[in-house]
Amino acid sequence: MPIKLSITEAIIRPGLEPGAVDVFLEFICYYGGPLPEDLLPQFKCPVLVAWGEKDPWDPIKLGRAYGNFDAAPQVSPLSNEDEKPEMVNPLIESVVARHSKSSTALAPGI
């Protein structure tokens, strides 16, 4: 039986995860640089947008909006495994291979 959380608990709970405070502080102390939506129109090459499907603070809907930019025609949802290279690296390699000028595979170890 799933545990039902109050709204307050649902908001606070992600912040209790290890490292979450650092992420939160980085987010609320945004340094004022350019936003992705300001930069994406300037890209002439494809951009990979990977977003956690269950991101507790930034829903996947926000990430999918980047798919409206020509440089990022596809947003790749991650099952919140963005810190696992064995899951993320193949995604990056497939994007590079798909947009590479040559059809050769990536060199081993890259």
PDB file of N, CA and C in Angstrom:
ATOM      1  N   MET A   1       0.839  -1.176   0.000  1.00  0.00           N
ATOM      2  CA  MET A   1       0.000   0.000   0.000  1.00  0.00           C
ATOM      3  C   MET A   1       0.891   1.249   0.000  1.00  0.00           C
ATOM      4  N   PRO A   2       0.738   2.146  -1.005  1.00  0.00           N
ATOM      5  CA  PRO A   2       1.572   3.348  -1.073  1.00  0.00           C
ATOM      6  C   PRO A   2       1.309   4.273   0.108  1.00  0.00           C
ATOM      7  N   ILE A   3       2.364   4.949   0.526  1.00  0.00           N
ATOM      8  CA  ILE A   3       2.246   5.906   1.621  1.00  0.00           C
ATOM      9  C   ILE A   3       1.721   7.213   1.049  1.00  0.00           C
ATOM     10  N   LYS A   4       0.712   7.769   1.671  1.00  0.00           N
ATOM     11  CA  LYS A   4       0.143   9.034   1.224  1.00  0.00           C
ATOM     12  C   LYS A   4       0.825  10.154   1.999  1.00  0.00           C
ATOM     13  N   LEU A   5       1.404  11.099   1.276  1.00  0.00           N
ATOM     14  CA  LEU A   5       2.114  12.210   1.897  1.00  0.00           C
ATOM     15  C   LEU A   5       1.262  13.475   1.858  1.00  0.00           C
ATOM     16  N   SER A   6       1.444  14.296   2.874  1.00  0.00           N
ATOM     17  CA  SER A   6       0.807  15.615   2.841  1.00  0.00           C
ATOM     18  C   SER A   6       1.558  16.462   1.818  1.00  0.00           C
ATOM     19  N   ILE A   7       0.986  17.585   1.439  1.00  0.00           N
ATOM     20  CA  ILE A   7       1.655  18.476   0.483  1.00  0.00           C
ATOM     21  C   ILE A   7       2.990  18.937   1.044  1.00  0.00           C
ATOM     22  N   THR A   8       3.018  19.293   2.301  1.00  0.00           N
ATOM     23  CA  THR A   8       4.262  19.745   2.931  1.00  0.00           C
ATOM     24  C   THR A   8       5.311  18.639   2.898  1.00  0.00           C
ATOM     25  N   GLU A   9       4.926  17.419   3.238  1.00  0.00           N
ATOM     26  CA  GLU A   9       5.870  16.297   3.217  1.00  0.00           C
ATOM     27  C   GLU A   9       6.368  16.042   1.798  1.00  0.00           C
ATOM     28  N   ALA A  10       5.489  16.151   0.816  1.00  0.00           N
ATOM     29  CA  ALA A  10       5.873  15.911  -0.574  1.00  0.00           C
ATOM     30  C   ALA A  10       6.880  16.949  -1.048  1.00  0.00           C
ATOM     31  N   ILE A  11       6.755  18.178  -0.562  1.00  0.00           N
ATOM     32  CA  ILE A  11       7.693  19.240  -0.943  1.00  0.00           C
ATOM     33  C   ILE A  11       9.020  19.075  -0.215  1.00  0.00           C
ATOM     34  N   ILE A  12       8.959  18.728   1.061  1.00  0.00           N
ATOM     35  CA  ILE A  12      10.169  18.634   1.876  1.00  0.00           C
ATOM     36  C   ILE A  12      10.949  17.350   1.601  1.00  0.00           C
ATOM     37  N   ARG A  13      10.273  16.267   1.319  1.00  0.00           N
ATOM     38  CA  ARG A  13      10.915  14.954   1.195  1.00  0.00           C
ATOM     39  C   ARG A  13      12.103  14.928   0.230  1.00  0.00           C
ATOM     40  N   PRO A  14      11.998  15.496  -0.996  1.00  0.00           N
ATOM     41  CA  PRO A  14      13.174  15.447  -1.883  1.00  0.00           C
ATOM     42  C   PRO A  14      14.391  16.142  -1.284  1.00  0.00           C
ATOM     43  N   GLY A  15      14.157  17.169  -0.459  1.00  0.00           N
ATOM     44  CA  GLY A  15      15.260  17.897   0.160  1.00  0.00           C
ATOM     45  C   GLY A  15      15.990  17.121   1.228  1.00  0.00           C
ATOM     46  N   LEU A  16      15.420  16.017   1.661  1.00  0.00           N
ATOM     47  CA  LEU A  16      16.054  15.200   2.689  1.00  0.00           C
ATOM     48  C   LEU A  16      17.018  14.173   2.105  1.00  0.00           C
ATOM     49  N   GLU A  17      17.002  14.023   0.786  1.00  0.00           N
ATOM     50  CA  GLU A  17      17.913  13.084   0.125  1.00  0.00           C
ATOM     51  C   GLU A  17      19.343  13.600   0.240  1.00  0.00           C
ATOM     52  N   PRO A  18      20.341  12.700   0.338  1.00  0.00           N
ATOM     53  CA  PRO A  18      21.737  13.138   0.407  1.00  0.00           C
ATOM     54  C   PRO A  18      22.103  13.997  -0.803  1.00  0.00           C
ATOM     55  N   GLY A  19      22.722  15.127  -0.554  1.00  0.00           N
ATOM     56  CA  GLY A  19      23.157  16.018  -1.630  1.00  0.00           C
ATOM     57  C   GLY A  19      22.080  16.969  -2.120  1.00  0.00           C
ATOM     58  N   ALA A  20      20.846  16.764  -1.713  1.00  0.00           N
ATOM     59  CA  ALA A  20      19.745  17.577  -2.222  1.00  0.00           C
ATOM     60  C   ALA A  20      19.845  19.030  -1.788  1.00  0.00           C
ATOM     61  N   VAL A  21      20.374  19.268  -0.609  1.00  0.00           N
ATOM     62  CA  VAL A  21      20.487  20.645  -0.132  1.00  0.00           C
ATOM     63  C   VAL A  21      21.400  21.441  -1.064  1.00  0.00           C
ATOM     64  N   ASP A  22      22.507  20.832  -1.490  1.00  0.00           N
ATOM     65  CA  ASP A  22      23.417  21.514  -2.405  1.00  0.00           C
ATOM     66  C   ASP A  22      22.726  21.859  -3.720  1.00  0.00           C
ATOM     67  N   VAL A  23      21.961  20.905  -4.248  1.00  0.00           N
ATOM     68  CA  VAL A  23      21.236  21.145  -5.499  1.00  0.00           C
ATOM     69  C   VAL A  23      20.233  22.266  -5.311  1.00  0.00           C
ATOM     70  N   PHE A  24      19.501  22.230  -4.211  1.00  0.00           N
ATOM     71  CA  PHE A  24      18.489  23.250  -3.939  1.00  0.00           C
ATOM     72  C   PHE A  24      19.135  24.627  -3.808  1.00  0.00           C
ATOM     73  N   LEU A  25      20.227  24.725  -3.048  1.00  0.00           N
ATOM     74  CA  LEU A  25      20.884  26.015  -2.875  1.00  0.00           C
ATOM     75  C   LEU A  25      21.427  26.540  -4.200  1.00  0.00           C
ATOM     76  N   GLU A  26      21.968  25.638  -5.013  1.00  0.00           N
ATOM     77  CA  GLU A  26      22.442  26.052  -6.330  1.00  0.00           C
ATOM     78  C   GLU A  26      21.289  26.598  -7.162  1.00  0.00           C
ATOM     79  N   PHE A  27      20.142  25.950  -7.054  1.00  0.00           N
ATOM     80  CA  PHE A  27      18.969  26.366  -7.813  1.00  0.00           C
ATOM     81  C   PHE A  27      18.460  27.737  -7.350  1.00  0.00           C
ATOM     82  N   ILE A  28      18.301  27.935  -6.035  1.00  0.00           N
ATOM     83  CA  ILE A  28      17.731  29.204  -5.565  1.00  0.00           C
ATOM     84  C   ILE A  28      18.741  30.341  -5.594  1.00  0.00           C
ATOM     85  N   CYS A  29      20.022  30.020  -5.691  1.00  0.00           N
ATOM     86  CA  CYS A  29      21.060  31.049  -5.763  1.00  0.00           C
ATOM     87  C   CYS A  29      21.553  31.213  -7.191  1.00  0.00           C
ATOM     88  N   TYR A  30      20.682  30.973  -8.141  1.00  0.00           N
ATOM     89  CA  TYR A  30      21.038  31.037  -9.555  1.00  0.00           C
ATOM     90  C   TYR A  30      21.874  32.278  -9.830  1.00  0.00           C
ATOM     91  N   TYR A  31      22.965  32.110 -10.530  1.00  0.00           N
ATOM     92  CA  TYR A  31      23.932  33.179 -10.686  1.00  0.00           C
ATOM     93  C   TYR A  31      23.523  34.243 -11.699  1.00  0.00           C
ATOM     94  N   GLY A  32      22.427  34.053 -12.394  1.00  0.00           N
ATOM     95  CA  GLY A  32      21.952  35.094 -13.303  1.00  0.00           C
ATOM     96  C   GLY A  32      22.516  35.007 -14.705  1.00  0.00           C
ATOM     97  N   GLY A  33      23.160  33.905 -15.033  1.00  0.00           N
ATOM     98  CA  GLY A  33      23.686  33.730 -16.388  1.00  0.00           C
ATOM     99  C   GLY A  33      22.558  33.427 -17.360  1.00  0.00           C
ATOM    100  N   PRO A  34      22.903  33.140 -18.604  1.00  0.00           N
ATOM    101  CA  PRO A  34      21.877  32.869 -19.609  1.00  0.00           C
ATOM    102  C   PRO A  34      21.107  31.585 -19.304  1.00  0.00           C
ATOM    103  N   LEU A  35      19.853  31.586 -19.650  1.00  0.00           N
ATOM    104  CA  LEU A  35      18.997  30.417 -19.475  1.00  0.00           C
ATOM    105  C   LEU A  35      19.091  29.540 -20.718  1.00  0.00           C
ATOM    106  N   PRO A  36      18.781  28.257 -20.576  1.00  0.00           N
ATOM    107  CA  PRO A  36      18.826  27.380 -21.755  1.00  0.00           C
ATOM    108  C   PRO A  36      17.974  27.913 -22.906  1.00  0.00           C
ATOM    109  N   GLU A  37      16.810  28.450 -22.594  1.00  0.00           N
ATOM    110  CA  GLU A  37      15.949  28.947 -23.669  1.00  0.00           C
ATOM    111  C   GLU A  37      16.543  30.168 -24.373  1.00  0.00           C
ATOM    112  N   ASP A  38      17.514  30.832 -23.725  1.00  0.00           N
ATOM    113  CA  ASP A  38      18.223  31.933 -24.374  1.00  0.00           C
ATOM    114  C   ASP A  38      19.344  31.408 -25.275  1.00  0.00           C
ATOM    115  N   LEU A  39      19.937  30.283 -24.883  1.00  0.00           N
ATOM    116  CA  LEU A  39      21.081  29.750 -25.611  1.00  0.00           C
ATOM    117  C   LEU A  39      20.705  28.796 -26.739  1.00  0.00           C
ATOM    118  N   LEU A  40      19.664  28.001 -26.560  1.00  0.00           N
ATOM    119  CA  LEU A  40      19.314  26.983 -27.556  1.00  0.00           C
ATOM    120  C   LEU A  40      19.118  27.536 -28.969  1.00  0.00           C
ATOM    121  N   PRO A  41      18.519  28.697 -29.157  1.00  0.00           N
ATOM    122  CA  PRO A  41      18.369  29.203 -30.527  1.00  0.00           C
ATOM    123  C   PRO A  41      19.698  29.504 -31.213  1.00  0.00           C
ATOM    124  N   GLN A  42      20.773  29.652 -30.450  1.00  0.00           N
ATOM    125  CA  GLN A  42      22.081  29.965 -31.022  1.00  0.00           C
ATOM    126  C   GLN A  42      22.834  28.728 -31.506  1.00  0.00           C
ATOM    127  N   PHE A  43      22.415  27.546 -31.074  1.00  0.00           N
ATOM    128  CA  PHE A  43      23.129  26.323 -31.436  1.00  0.00           C
ATOM    129  C   PHE A  43      22.852  25.928 -32.878  1.00  0.00           C
ATOM    130  N   LYS A  44      23.919  25.570 -33.579  1.00  0.00           N
ATOM    131  CA  LYS A  44      23.798  25.073 -34.951  1.00  0.00           C
ATOM    132  C   LYS A  44      23.926  23.554 -34.991  1.00  0.00           C
ATOM    133  N   CYS A  45      24.306  22.958 -33.874  1.00  0.00           N
ATOM    134  CA  CYS A  45      24.463  21.511 -33.791  1.00  0.00           C
ATOM    135  C   CYS A  45      23.365  20.951 -32.885  1.00  0.00           C
ATOM    136  N   PRO A  46      23.089  19.663 -32.995  1.00  0.00           N
ATOM    137  CA  PRO A  46      22.064  19.052 -32.143  1.00  0.00           C
ATOM    138  C   PRO A  46      22.466  19.074 -30.672  1.00  0.00           C
ATOM    139  N   VAL A  47      21.486  19.275 -29.824  1.00  0.00           N
ATOM    140  CA  VAL A  47      21.701  19.308 -28.381  1.00  0.00           C
ATOM    141  C   VAL A  47      20.880  18.183 -27.757  1.00  0.00           C
ATOM    142  N   LEU A  48      21.516  17.408 -26.898  1.00  0.00           N
ATOM    143  CA  LEU A  48      20.826  16.359 -26.174  1.00  0.00           C
ATOM    144  C   LEU A  48      20.252  16.949 -24.896  1.00  0.00           C
ATOM    145  N   VAL A  49      18.954  16.835 -24.729  1.00  0.00           N
ATOM    146  CA  VAL A  49      18.311  17.241 -23.480  1.00  0.00           C
ATOM    147  C   VAL A  49      17.851  15.961 -22.802  1.00  0.00           C
ATOM    148  N   ALA A  50      18.455  15.645 -21.678  1.00  0.00           N
ATOM    149  CA  ALA A  50      18.067  14.470 -20.897  1.00  0.00           C
ATOM    150  C   ALA A  50      17.512  14.976 -19.574  1.00  0.00           C
ATOM    151  N   TRP A  51      16.374  14.429 -19.176  1.00  0.00           N
ATOM    152  CA  TRP A  51      15.663  14.969 -18.012  1.00  0.00           C
ATOM    153  C   TRP A  51      15.114  13.816 -17.191  1.00  0.00           C
ATOM    154  N   GLY A  52      15.199  13.913 -15.898  1.00  0.00           N
ATOM    155  CA  GLY A  52      14.659  12.882 -15.011  1.00  0.00           C
ATOM    156  C   GLY A  52      13.137  12.850 -15.062  1.00  0.00           C
ATOM    157  N   GLU A  53      12.583  11.690 -15.379  1.00  0.00           N
ATOM    158  CA  GLU A  53      11.129  11.551 -15.465  1.00  0.00           C
ATOM    159  C   GLU A  53      10.442  11.863 -14.143  1.00  0.00           C
ATOM    160  N   LYS A  54      11.119  11.595 -13.046  1.00  0.00           N
ATOM    161  CA  LYS A  54      10.512  11.792 -11.729  1.00  0.00           C
ATOM    162  C   LYS A  54      11.260  12.853 -10.935  1.00  0.00           C
ATOM    163  N   ASP A  55      11.809  13.834 -11.636  1.00  0.00           N
ATOM    164  CA  ASP A  55      12.526  14.916 -10.964  1.00  0.00           C
ATOM    165  C   ASP A  55      11.571  15.565  -9.964  1.00  0.00           C
ATOM    166  N   PRO A  56      11.953  15.614  -8.681  1.00  0.00           N
ATOM    167  CA  PRO A  56      11.017  16.107  -7.668  1.00  0.00           C
ATOM    168  C   PRO A  56      10.749  17.608  -7.724  1.00  0.00           C
ATOM    169  N   TRP A  57      11.647  18.379  -8.345  1.00  0.00           N
ATOM    170  CA  TRP A  57      11.450  19.829  -8.370  1.00  0.00           C
ATOM    171  C   TRP A  57      11.147  20.364  -9.761  1.00  0.00           C
ATOM    172  N   ASP A  58      11.693  19.767 -10.775  1.00  0.00           N
ATOM    173  CA  ASP A  58      11.483  20.241 -12.140  1.00  0.00           C
ATOM    174  C   ASP A  58      10.843  19.124 -12.949  1.00  0.00           C
ATOM    175  N   PRO A  59       9.523  19.152 -13.108  1.00  0.00           N
ATOM    176  CA  PRO A  59       8.831  18.067 -13.795  1.00  0.00           C
ATOM    177  C   PRO A  59       9.292  17.902 -15.246  1.00  0.00           C
ATOM    178  N   ILE A  60       9.177  16.686 -15.742  1.00  0.00           N
ATOM    179  CA  ILE A  60       9.584  16.350 -17.107  1.00  0.00           C
ATOM    180  C   ILE A  60       8.913  17.263 -18.123  1.00  0.00           C
ATOM    181  N   LYS A  61       7.735  17.769 -17.810  1.00  0.00           N
ATOM    182  CA  LYS A  61       7.022  18.684 -18.707  1.00  0.00           C
ATOM    183  C   LYS A  61       7.891  19.900 -19.039  1.00  0.00           C
ATOM    184  N   LEU A  62       8.642  20.396 -18.065  1.00  0.00           N
ATOM    185  CA  LEU A  62       9.534  21.531 -18.309  1.00  0.00           C
ATOM    186  C   LEU A  62      10.649  21.144 -19.273  1.00  0.00           C
ATOM    187  N   GLY A  63      11.207  19.964 -19.087  1.00  0.00           N
ATOM    188  CA  GLY A  63      12.262  19.494 -19.982  1.00  0.00           C
ATOM    189  C   GLY A  63      11.758  19.266 -21.393  1.00  0.00           C
ATOM    190  N   ARG A  64      10.562  18.722 -21.512  1.00  0.00           N
ATOM    191  CA  ARG A  64       9.998  18.459 -22.839  1.00  0.00           C
ATOM    192  C   ARG A  64       9.798  19.743 -23.639  1.00  0.00           C
ATOM    193  N   ALA A  65       9.612  20.870 -22.955  1.00  0.00           N
ATOM    194  CA  ALA A  65       9.440  22.154 -23.653  1.00  0.00           C
ATOM    195  C   ALA A  65      10.677  22.514 -24.466  1.00  0.00           C
ATOM    196  N   TYR A  66      11.851  22.014 -24.071  1.00  0.00           N
ATOM    197  CA  TYR A  66      13.062  22.293 -24.840  1.00  0.00           C
ATOM    198  C   TYR A  66      13.035  21.592 -26.198  1.00  0.00           C
ATOM    199  N   GLY A  67      12.193  20.601 -26.340  1.00  0.00           N
ATOM    200  CA  GLY A  67      12.040  19.923 -27.627  1.00  0.00           C
ATOM    201  C   GLY A  67      11.434  20.808 -28.690  1.00  0.00           C
ATOM    202  N   ASN A  68      10.930  21.973 -28.324  1.00  0.00           N
ATOM    203  CA  ASN A  68      10.379  22.920 -29.295  1.00  0.00           C
ATOM    204  C   ASN A  68      11.470  23.710 -30.016  1.00  0.00           C
ATOM    205  N   PHE A  69      12.697  23.581 -29.558  1.00  0.00           N
ATOM    206  CA  PHE A  69      13.811  24.291 -30.194  1.00  0.00           C
ATOM    207  C   PHE A  69      14.410  23.406 -31.285  1.00  0.00           C
ATOM    208  N   ASP A  70      14.804  24.015 -32.395  1.00  0.00           N
ATOM    209  CA  ASP A  70      15.386  23.260 -33.520  1.00  0.00           C
ATOM    210  C   ASP A  70      16.609  22.457 -33.095  1.00  0.00           C
ATOM    211  N   ALA A  71      17.427  23.005 -32.207  1.00  0.00           N
ATOM    212  CA  ALA A  71      18.659  22.334 -31.792  1.00  0.00           C
ATOM    213  C   ALA A  71      18.400  21.117 -30.911  1.00  0.00           C
ATOM    214  N   ALA A  72      17.231  21.055 -30.291  1.00  0.00           N
ATOM    215  CA  ALA A  72      16.927  19.954 -29.365  1.00  0.00           C
ATOM    216  C   ALA A  72      15.583  19.333 -29.732  1.00  0.00           C
ATOM    217  N   PRO A  73      15.507  18.682 -30.896  1.00  0.00           N
ATOM    218  CA  PRO A  73      14.213  18.173 -31.341  1.00  0.00           C
ATOM    219  C   PRO A  73      13.657  17.033 -30.494  1.00  0.00           C
ATOM    220  N   GLN A  74      14.501  16.447 -29.660  1.00  0.00           N
ATOM    221  CA  GLN A  74      14.050  15.323 -28.849  1.00  0.00           C
ATOM    222  C   GLN A  74      14.554  15.487 -27.430  1.00  0.00           C
ATOM    223  N   VAL A  75      13.679  15.262 -26.465  1.00  0.00           N
ATOM    224  CA  VAL A  75      14.069  15.256 -25.066  1.00  0.00           C
ATOM    225  C   VAL A  75      14.060  13.808 -24.614  1.00  0.00           C
ATOM    226  N   SER A  76      15.162  13.373 -24.049  1.00  0.00           N
ATOM    227  CA  SER A  76      15.282  11.980 -23.617  1.00  0.00           C
ATOM    228  C   SER A  76      15.011  11.868 -22.126  1.00  0.00           C
ATOM    229  N   PRO A  77      13.905  11.235 -21.771  1.00  0.00           N
ATOM    230  CA  PRO A  77      13.630  11.065 -20.350  1.00  0.00           C
ATOM    231  C   PRO A  77      14.561  10.038 -19.723  1.00  0.00           C
ATOM    232  N   LEU A  78      14.991  10.324 -18.529  1.00  0.00           N
ATOM    233  CA  LEU A  78      15.818   9.393 -17.763  1.00  0.00           C
ATOM    234  C   LEU A  78      14.993   8.929 -16.576  1.00  0.00           C
ATOM    235  N   SER A  79      15.181   7.705 -16.192  1.00  0.00           N
ATOM    236  CA  SER A  79      14.440   7.191 -15.038  1.00  0.00           C
ATOM    237  C   SER A  79      15.180   7.557 -13.754  1.00  0.00           C
ATOM    238  N   ASN A  80      15.553   8.830 -13.668  1.00  0.00           N
ATOM    239  CA  ASN A  80      16.278   9.378 -12.518  1.00  0.00           C
ATOM    240  C   ASN A  80      17.573   8.626 -12.248  1.00  0.00           C
ATOM    241  N   GLU A  81      18.222   8.254 -13.315  1.00  0.00           N
ATOM    242  CA  GLU A  81      19.492   7.536 -13.209  1.00  0.00           C
ATOM    243  C   GLU A  81      20.599   8.369 -13.842  1.00  0.00           C
ATOM    244  N   ASP A  82      20.485   9.703 -13.750  1.00  0.00           N
ATOM    245  CA  ASP A  82      21.418  10.571 -14.439  1.00  0.00           C
ATOM    246  C   ASP A  82      22.846  10.513 -13.898  1.00  0.00           C
ATOM    247  N   GLU A  83      23.038   9.917 -12.750  1.00  0.00           N
ATOM    248  CA  GLU A  83      24.377   9.806 -12.211  1.00  0.00           C
ATOM    249  C   GLU A  83      24.948   8.402 -12.389  1.00  0.00           C
ATOM    250  N   LYS A  84      24.361   7.650 -13.305  1.00  0.00           N
ATOM    251  CA  LYS A  84      24.859   6.313 -13.608  1.00  0.00           C
ATOM    252  C   LYS A  84      25.379   6.313 -15.041  1.00  0.00           C
ATOM    253  N   PRO A  85      26.696   6.432 -15.196  1.00  0.00           N
ATOM    254  CA  PRO A  85      27.266   6.527 -16.541  1.00  0.00           C
ATOM    255  C   PRO A  85      26.903   5.350 -17.443  1.00  0.00           C
ATOM    256  N   GLU A  86      26.705   4.164 -16.855  1.00  0.00           N
ATOM    257  CA  GLU A  86      26.374   3.013 -17.694  1.00  0.00           C
ATOM    258  C   GLU A  86      25.009   3.172 -18.369  1.00  0.00           C
ATOM    259  N   MET A  87      24.174   4.085 -17.875  1.00  0.00           N
ATOM    260  CA  MET A  87      22.875   4.341 -18.495  1.00  0.00           C
ATOM    261  C   MET A  87      22.915   5.589 -19.368  1.00  0.00           C
ATOM    262  N   VAL A  88      23.676   6.596 -18.952  1.00  0.00           N
ATOM    263  CA  VAL A  88      23.704   7.867 -19.668  1.00  0.00           C
ATOM    264  C   VAL A  88      24.672   7.829 -20.853  1.00  0.00           C
ATOM    265  N   ASN A  89      25.832   7.208 -20.689  1.00  0.00           N
ATOM    266  CA  ASN A  89      26.827   7.202 -21.761  1.00  0.00           C
ATOM    267  C   ASN A  89      26.313   6.593 -23.065  1.00  0.00           C
ATOM    268  N   PRO A  90      25.593   5.470 -23.040  1.00  0.00           N
ATOM    269  CA  PRO A  90      25.067   4.954 -24.308  1.00  0.00           C
ATOM    270  C   PRO A  90      24.106   5.932 -25.004  1.00  0.00           C
ATOM    271  N   LEU A  91      23.365   6.683 -24.227  1.00  0.00           N
ATOM    272  CA  LEU A  91      22.474   7.691 -24.800  1.00  0.00           C
ATOM    273  C   LEU A  91      23.290   8.770 -25.510  1.00  0.00           C
ATOM    274  N   ILE A  92      24.326   9.244 -24.856  1.00  0.00           N
ATOM    275  CA  ILE A  92      25.198  10.258 -25.458  1.00  0.00           C
ATOM    276  C   ILE A  92      25.867   9.701 -26.709  1.00  0.00           C
ATOM    277  N   GLU A  93      26.379   8.475 -26.620  1.00  0.00           N
ATOM    278  CA  GLU A  93      27.039   7.865 -27.776  1.00  0.00           C
ATOM    279  C   GLU A  93      26.091   7.717 -28.957  1.00  0.00           C
ATOM    280  N   SER A  94      24.838   7.373 -28.690  1.00  0.00           N
ATOM    281  CA  SER A  94      23.890   7.199 -29.798  1.00  0.00           C
ATOM    282  C   SER A  94      23.585   8.531 -30.472  1.00  0.00           C
ATOM    283  N   VAL A  95      23.508   9.594 -29.705  1.00  0.00           N
ATOM    284  CA  VAL A  95      23.265  10.918 -30.298  1.00  0.00           C
ATOM    285  C   VAL A  95      24.468  11.347 -31.131  1.00  0.00           C
ATOM    286  N   VAL A  96      25.661  11.148 -30.599  1.00  0.00           N
ATOM    287  CA  VAL A  96      26.874  11.508 -31.340  1.00  0.00           C
ATOM    288  C   VAL A  96      26.968  10.699 -32.621  1.00  0.00           C
ATOM    289  N   ALA A  97      26.733   9.399 -32.537  1.00  0.00           N
ATOM    290  CA  ALA A  97      26.810   8.543 -33.724  1.00  0.00           C
ATOM    291  C   ALA A  97      25.762   8.939 -34.764  1.00  0.00           C
ATOM    292  N   ARG A  98      24.566   9.259 -34.316  1.00  0.00           N
ATOM    293  CA  ARG A  98      23.484   9.618 -35.238  1.00  0.00           C
ATOM    294  C   ARG A  98      23.779  10.923 -35.973  1.00  0.00           C
ATOM    295  N   HIS A  99      24.478  11.834 -35.328  1.00  0.00           N
ATOM    296  CA  HIS A  99      24.726  13.144 -35.925  1.00  0.00           C
ATOM    297  C   HIS A  99      26.161  13.314 -36.413  1.00  0.00           C
ATOM    298  N   SER A 100      26.928  12.243 -36.365  1.00  0.00           N
ATOM    299  CA  SER A 100      28.306  12.289 -36.808  1.00  0.00           C
ATOM    300  C   SER A 100      28.337  12.375 -38.326  1.00  0.00           C
ATOM    301  N   LYS A 101      29.337  13.075 -38.868  1.00  0.00           N
ATOM    302  CA  LYS A 101      29.459  13.186 -40.333  1.00  0.00           C
ATOM    303  C   LYS A 101      29.869  11.853 -40.948  1.00  0.00           C
ATOM    304  N   SER A 102      30.555  11.042 -40.168  1.00  0.00           N
ATOM    305  CA  SER A 102      30.944   9.735 -40.691  1.00  0.00           C
ATOM    306  C   SER A 102      30.041   8.682 -40.075  1.00  0.00           C
ATOM    307  N   SER A 103      29.977   7.543 -40.693  1.00  0.00           N
ATOM    308  CA  SER A 103      29.143   6.479 -40.162  1.00  0.00           C
ATOM    309  C   SER A 103      29.951   5.503 -39.316  1.00  0.00           C
ATOM    310  N   THR A 104      31.209   5.869 -39.037  1.00  0.00           N
ATOM    311  CA  THR A 104      32.036   4.971 -38.239  1.00  0.00           C
ATOM    312  C   THR A 104      31.626   5.041 -36.782  1.00  0.00           C
ATOM    313  N   ALA A 105      31.815   3.946 -36.093  1.00  0.00           N
ATOM    314  CA  ALA A 105      31.466   3.884 -34.672  1.00  0.00           C
ATOM    315  C   ALA A 105      32.450   4.713 -33.862  1.00  0.00           C
ATOM    316  N   LEU A 106      32.048   5.100 -32.697  1.00  0.00           N
ATOM    317  CA  LEU A 106      32.938   5.832 -31.807  1.00  0.00           C
ATOM    318  C   LEU A 106      34.099   4.940 -31.402  1.00  0.00           C
ATOM    319  N   ALA A 107      35.237   5.561 -31.212  1.00  0.00           N
ATOM    320  CA  ALA A 107      36.426   4.803 -30.807  1.00  0.00           C
ATOM    321  C   ALA A 107      36.194   4.214 -29.418  1.00  0.00           C
ATOM    322  N   PRO A 108      36.690   3.004 -29.169  1.00  0.00           N
ATOM    323  CA  PRO A 108      36.532   2.406 -27.843  1.00  0.00           C
ATOM    324  C   PRO A 108      37.101   3.330 -26.773  1.00  0.00           C
ATOM    325  N   GLY A 109      36.376   3.401 -25.669  1.00  0.00           N
ATOM    326  CA  GLY A 109      36.835   4.204 -24.556  1.00  0.00           C
ATOM    327  C   GLY A 109      36.430   5.664 -24.621  1.00  0.00           C
ATOM    328  N   ILE A 110      35.729   6.046 -25.650  1.00  0.00           N
ATOM    329  CA  ILE A 110      35.299   7.451 -25.758  1.00  0.00           C
ATOM    330  C   ILE A 110      33.867   7.555 -25.331  1.00  0.00           C
TER     331      ILE A 110
END
